[in-house]
Amino acid sequence: MPRIPMLGMLRVSPFDKLLEHAQKTKEGMAILKDCITTYCEGDYDKSEKLSQEIIKLEHEADIIKGNITAHMPKQILLSVDIGVFLRLLNEQDSILDFAENAVVWLHFRQTKVPAEIKDDLLNHLYKVIECIESYEKVIIHVKDIVSFSSSNKMRDQIKENIKEVHLKEWEDDQIGKVFAKKAFNLSIDPLSVYHLLKLGNLIGQIAKHAENAADRVRTMIAK
């Protein structure tokens, strides 16, 4: 299969653009936290404005992704599969995609978040953000790893960080199940229950795609 050429031969490495794309994800997660928190507090107007910032960031990330794929080199000179790289890019892109999906869905209606599940929803969100923060520790060193400038110690640390991403995703999955069970048992109208349940699912998908992206990095290390 085609492989990505030596990084030094490129004017702009695809890995530099990948990190630029990851920075958009990082910015989006910080805004997502504020967006959903303010919604839970009942400040729907502020939350709506924050959601627009996420939508803008997602669009900017899509442009970066498009530039990467449009200028992907074809030479076969380095031990990084282009297919693996593109799957990593797609999974990383899905993180912000689902953040956008979550806030768009959130603002389809103004559902008062019941006190009985407010903490569960926010804990769900915060654990997802922890998962993304763990993923950031993985992706920040990916260029060093594939350019052979990393030490065995760094590779071992990346592997530990990948395990941490998996752990955070698993922990979030457990929190999400607790949230869903409590939401199903709320004494509120069914439409509000559905709105909250789907929101919880969309938030959880963010962590799943971070886990998938981390696995693509693990594949690169193994090559």
Protein backbone atom coordinates (compact mmCIF):
# COMPACT_ATOMS: atom_id res chain seq x y z
CA MET A 1 0.00 0.00 0.00
CA PRO A 2 1.14 3.63 -0.50
CA ARG A 3 3.18 5.13 2.30
CA ILE A 4 3.85 8.69 3.39
CA PRO A 5 7.27 10.02 2.25
CA MET A 6 10.07 11.14 4.52
CA LEU A 7 8.85 14.14 6.52
CA GLY A 8 11.85 16.27 5.64
CA MET A 9 11.08 16.04 1.92
CA LEU A 10 7.72 17.78 2.31
CA ARG A 11 7.21 21.51 2.48
CA VAL A 12 4.46 20.93 5.05
CA SER A 13 4.30 17.53 6.70
CA PRO A 14 0.84 15.92 6.80
CA PHE A 15 1.59 15.31 10.47
CA ASP A 16 1.98 19.04 11.08
CA LYS A 17 -1.46 19.55 9.54
CA LEU A 18 -2.79 16.65 11.61
CA LEU A 19 -1.63 18.45 14.76
CA GLU A 20 -3.19 21.68 13.52
CA HIS A 21 -6.43 19.74 13.09
CA ALA A 22 -6.05 18.29 16.60
CA GLN A 23 -5.70 21.81 18.00
CA LYS A 24 -9.16 22.64 16.64
CA THR A 25 -10.48 19.59 18.48
CA LYS A 26 -8.85 20.75 21.70
CA GLU A 27 -10.39 24.22 21.37
CA GLY A 28 -13.77 22.68 20.61
CA MET A 29 -13.76 20.52 23.74
CA ALA A 30 -13.18 23.54 25.99
CA ILE A 31 -16.14 25.31 24.40
CA LEU A 32 -18.29 22.16 24.52
CA LYS A 33 -17.81 22.00 28.28
CA ASP A 34 -19.03 25.58 28.70
CA CYS A 35 -21.83 25.12 26.17
CA ILE A 36 -23.46 22.15 27.87
CA THR A 37 -22.78 23.45 31.38
CA THR A 38 -24.52 26.75 30.67
CA TYR A 39 -27.42 24.87 29.05
CA CYS A 40 -27.83 22.79 32.21
CA GLU A 41 -27.90 26.02 34.19
CA GLY A 42 -30.75 27.28 32.01
CA ASP A 43 -28.77 29.97 30.16
CA TYR A 44 -29.96 28.86 26.73
CA ASP A 45 -28.95 32.03 24.87
CA LYS A 46 -25.34 31.87 26.04
CA SER A 47 -25.23 28.16 25.33
CA GLU A 48 -26.56 28.75 21.81
CA LYS A 49 -23.82 31.29 21.12
CA LEU A 50 -21.18 28.85 22.34
CA SER A 51 -22.61 26.17 20.09
CA GLN A 52 -22.05 28.44 17.10
CA GLU A 53 -18.37 28.65 18.03
CA ILE A 54 -18.15 24.86 17.95
CA ILE A 55 -19.85 24.76 14.55
CA LYS A 56 -17.32 27.31 13.27
CA LEU A 57 -14.39 25.29 14.63
CA GLU A 58 -15.74 22.12 13.05
CA HIS A 59 -15.90 23.89 9.70
CA GLU A 60 -12.30 25.08 10.11
CA ALA A 61 -11.23 21.54 10.99
CA ASP A 62 -12.97 20.24 7.87
CA ILE A 63 -10.98 22.69 5.74
CA ILE A 64 -7.72 21.44 7.28
CA LYS A 65 -8.81 17.86 6.68
CA GLY A 66 -9.64 18.67 3.08
CA ASN A 67 -6.23 20.26 2.56
CA ILE A 68 -4.51 17.19 4.00
CA THR A 69 -6.36 14.74 1.78
CA ALA A 70 -6.03 16.94 -1.32
CA HIS A 71 -2.27 17.17 -0.96
CA MET A 72 -1.55 13.68 0.32
CA PRO A 73 1.77 12.56 -1.23
CA LYS A 74 1.86 9.40 -3.32
CA GLN A 75 5.50 8.33 -2.94
CA ILE A 76 6.37 5.11 -1.12
CA LEU A 77 9.31 6.10 1.06
CA LEU A 78 8.29 5.83 4.69
CA SER A 79 6.85 3.15 6.93
CA VAL A 80 3.53 4.92 7.55
CA ASP A 81 0.61 3.50 5.63
CA ILE A 82 -1.40 6.27 3.98
CA GLY A 83 -4.52 4.23 4.72
CA VAL A 84 -3.71 4.13 8.44
CA PHE A 85 -2.95 7.85 8.44
CA LEU A 86 -6.25 8.69 6.75
CA ARG A 87 -8.19 6.47 9.15
CA LEU A 88 -6.50 8.32 12.02
CA LEU A 89 -7.46 11.64 10.46
CA ASN A 90 -11.07 10.50 9.95
CA GLU A 91 -11.42 9.28 13.53
CA GLN A 92 -9.89 12.47 14.89
CA ASP A 93 -12.23 14.50 12.69
CA SER A 94 -15.20 12.57 14.05
CA ILE A 95 -14.44 13.86 17.56
CA LEU A 96 -15.37 17.40 16.61
CA ASP A 97 -18.11 16.16 14.26
CA PHE A 98 -19.91 14.56 17.19
CA ALA A 99 -19.31 17.60 19.38
CA GLU A 100 -21.09 19.61 16.70
CA ASN A 101 -23.85 17.00 16.43
CA ALA A 102 -24.31 17.14 20.20
CA VAL A 103 -24.74 20.91 20.41
CA VAL A 104 -26.95 21.08 17.32
CA TRP A 105 -29.19 18.41 18.81
CA LEU A 106 -29.06 20.11 22.21
CA HIS A 107 -30.49 23.33 20.83
CA PHE A 108 -33.36 21.80 18.90
CA ARG A 109 -35.38 22.46 22.05
CA GLN A 110 -35.02 23.91 25.52
CA THR A 111 -35.29 20.99 27.90
CA LYS A 112 -34.97 21.79 31.56
CA VAL A 113 -32.37 19.34 32.86
CA PRO A 114 -33.86 17.77 36.01
CA ALA A 115 -31.79 18.07 39.18
CA GLU A 116 -31.86 14.26 39.56
CA ILE A 117 -29.65 13.77 36.49
CA LYS A 118 -27.84 17.07 36.10
CA ASP A 119 -24.69 15.85 37.86
CA ASP A 120 -24.76 12.59 35.91
CA LEU A 121 -24.94 14.43 32.60
CA LEU A 122 -22.10 16.75 33.55
CA ASN A 123 -19.99 13.89 34.88
CA HIS A 124 -20.56 12.15 31.54
CA LEU A 125 -19.36 15.26 29.73
CA TYR A 126 -16.36 15.80 32.00
CA LYS A 127 -15.19 12.20 31.63
CA VAL A 128 -15.39 12.53 27.85
CA ILE A 129 -13.23 15.64 28.06
CA GLU A 130 -10.74 13.71 30.21
CA CYS A 131 -10.66 11.09 27.47
CA ILE A 132 -9.88 13.74 24.86
CA GLU A 133 -7.16 15.19 27.07
CA SER A 134 -5.59 11.73 27.26
CA TYR A 135 -5.80 11.47 23.48
CA GLU A 136 -4.01 14.81 23.15
CA LYS A 137 -1.05 13.27 25.01
CA VAL A 138 -0.97 10.61 22.31
CA ILE A 139 -1.30 12.75 19.20
CA ILE A 140 1.17 15.46 20.25
CA HIS A 141 4.12 13.07 19.78
CA VAL A 142 2.93 11.24 16.67
CA LYS A 143 5.28 13.12 14.31
CA ASP A 144 8.33 12.25 16.44
CA ILE A 145 7.33 8.60 16.50
CA VAL A 146 6.92 8.19 12.75
CA SER A 147 10.03 10.24 11.90
CA PHE A 148 12.17 7.85 13.96
CA SER A 149 13.33 10.63 16.30
CA SER A 150 11.57 9.15 19.32
CA SER A 151 13.18 7.07 22.02
CA ASN A 152 11.91 3.72 23.25
CA LYS A 153 10.93 5.55 26.44
CA MET A 154 8.70 7.91 24.44
CA ARG A 155 7.10 5.01 22.57
CA ASP A 156 6.40 3.25 25.86
CA GLN A 157 4.87 6.44 27.24
CA ILE A 158 2.64 6.78 24.18
CA LYS A 159 1.47 3.21 24.65
CA GLU A 160 0.59 4.02 28.27
CA ASN A 161 -1.29 7.12 27.13
CA ILE A 162 -3.25 5.00 24.64
CA LYS A 163 -4.20 2.66 27.48
CA GLU A 164 -5.34 5.72 29.42
CA VAL A 165 -7.60 6.75 26.54
CA HIS A 166 -9.17 3.28 26.60
CA LEU A 167 -9.65 3.47 30.37
CA LYS A 168 -11.28 6.90 30.20
CA GLU A 169 -13.61 5.74 27.43
CA TRP A 170 -14.60 2.68 29.48
CA GLU A 171 -15.20 4.83 32.57
CA ASP A 172 -17.32 7.19 30.51
CA ASP A 173 -19.31 4.28 29.13
CA GLN A 174 -20.21 3.27 32.69
CA ILE A 175 -21.20 6.83 33.58
CA GLY A 176 -23.28 7.04 30.40
CA LYS A 177 -25.18 3.89 31.33
CA VAL A 178 -26.00 5.28 34.77
CA PHE A 179 -27.18 8.52 33.17
CA ALA A 180 -29.37 6.66 30.66
CA LYS A 181 -30.97 4.49 33.34
CA LYS A 182 -31.81 7.52 35.47
CA ALA A 183 -33.15 9.41 32.45
CA PHE A 184 -35.49 6.54 31.56
CA ASN A 185 -36.96 6.68 35.06
CA LEU A 186 -37.63 10.41 35.12
CA SER A 187 -41.19 11.59 35.69
CA ILE A 188 -41.12 14.06 32.81
CA ASP A 189 -42.59 14.09 29.31
CA PRO A 190 -41.28 11.43 26.90
CA LEU A 191 -39.97 13.98 24.39
CA SER A 192 -37.70 15.52 27.03
CA VAL A 193 -36.47 12.06 28.03
CA TYR A 194 -35.65 11.27 24.40
CA HIS A 195 -33.91 14.62 23.95
CA LEU A 196 -31.67 13.99 26.97
CA LEU A 197 -30.99 10.34 26.11
CA LYS A 198 -29.84 11.13 22.59
CA LEU A 199 -27.70 13.98 23.90
CA GLY A 200 -26.01 11.53 26.25
CA ASN A 201 -25.39 9.13 23.37
CA LEU A 202 -23.86 11.83 21.17
CA ILE A 203 -21.55 12.92 23.99
CA GLY A 204 -20.43 9.33 24.47
CA GLN A 205 -19.60 8.98 20.77
CA ILE A 206 -16.96 11.68 21.17
CA ALA A 207 -14.95 9.46 23.52
CA LYS A 208 -15.41 6.41 21.29
CA HIS A 209 -13.87 8.21 18.33
CA ALA A 210 -10.97 9.41 20.49
CA GLU A 211 -10.40 5.78 21.43
CA ASN A 212 -10.52 4.75 17.77
CA ALA A 213 -8.05 7.48 16.82
CA ALA A 214 -5.67 6.39 19.58
CA ASP A 215 -5.84 2.85 18.20
CA ARG A 216 -4.77 4.14 14.78
CA VAL A 217 -1.70 5.67 16.41
CA ARG A 218 -0.99 2.33 18.07
CA THR A 219 -1.09 0.74 14.61
CA MET A 220 1.52 3.25 13.43
CA ILE A 221 3.79 2.40 16.35
CA ALA A 222 3.48 -1.30 15.60
CA LYS A 223 4.54 -0.91 11.96
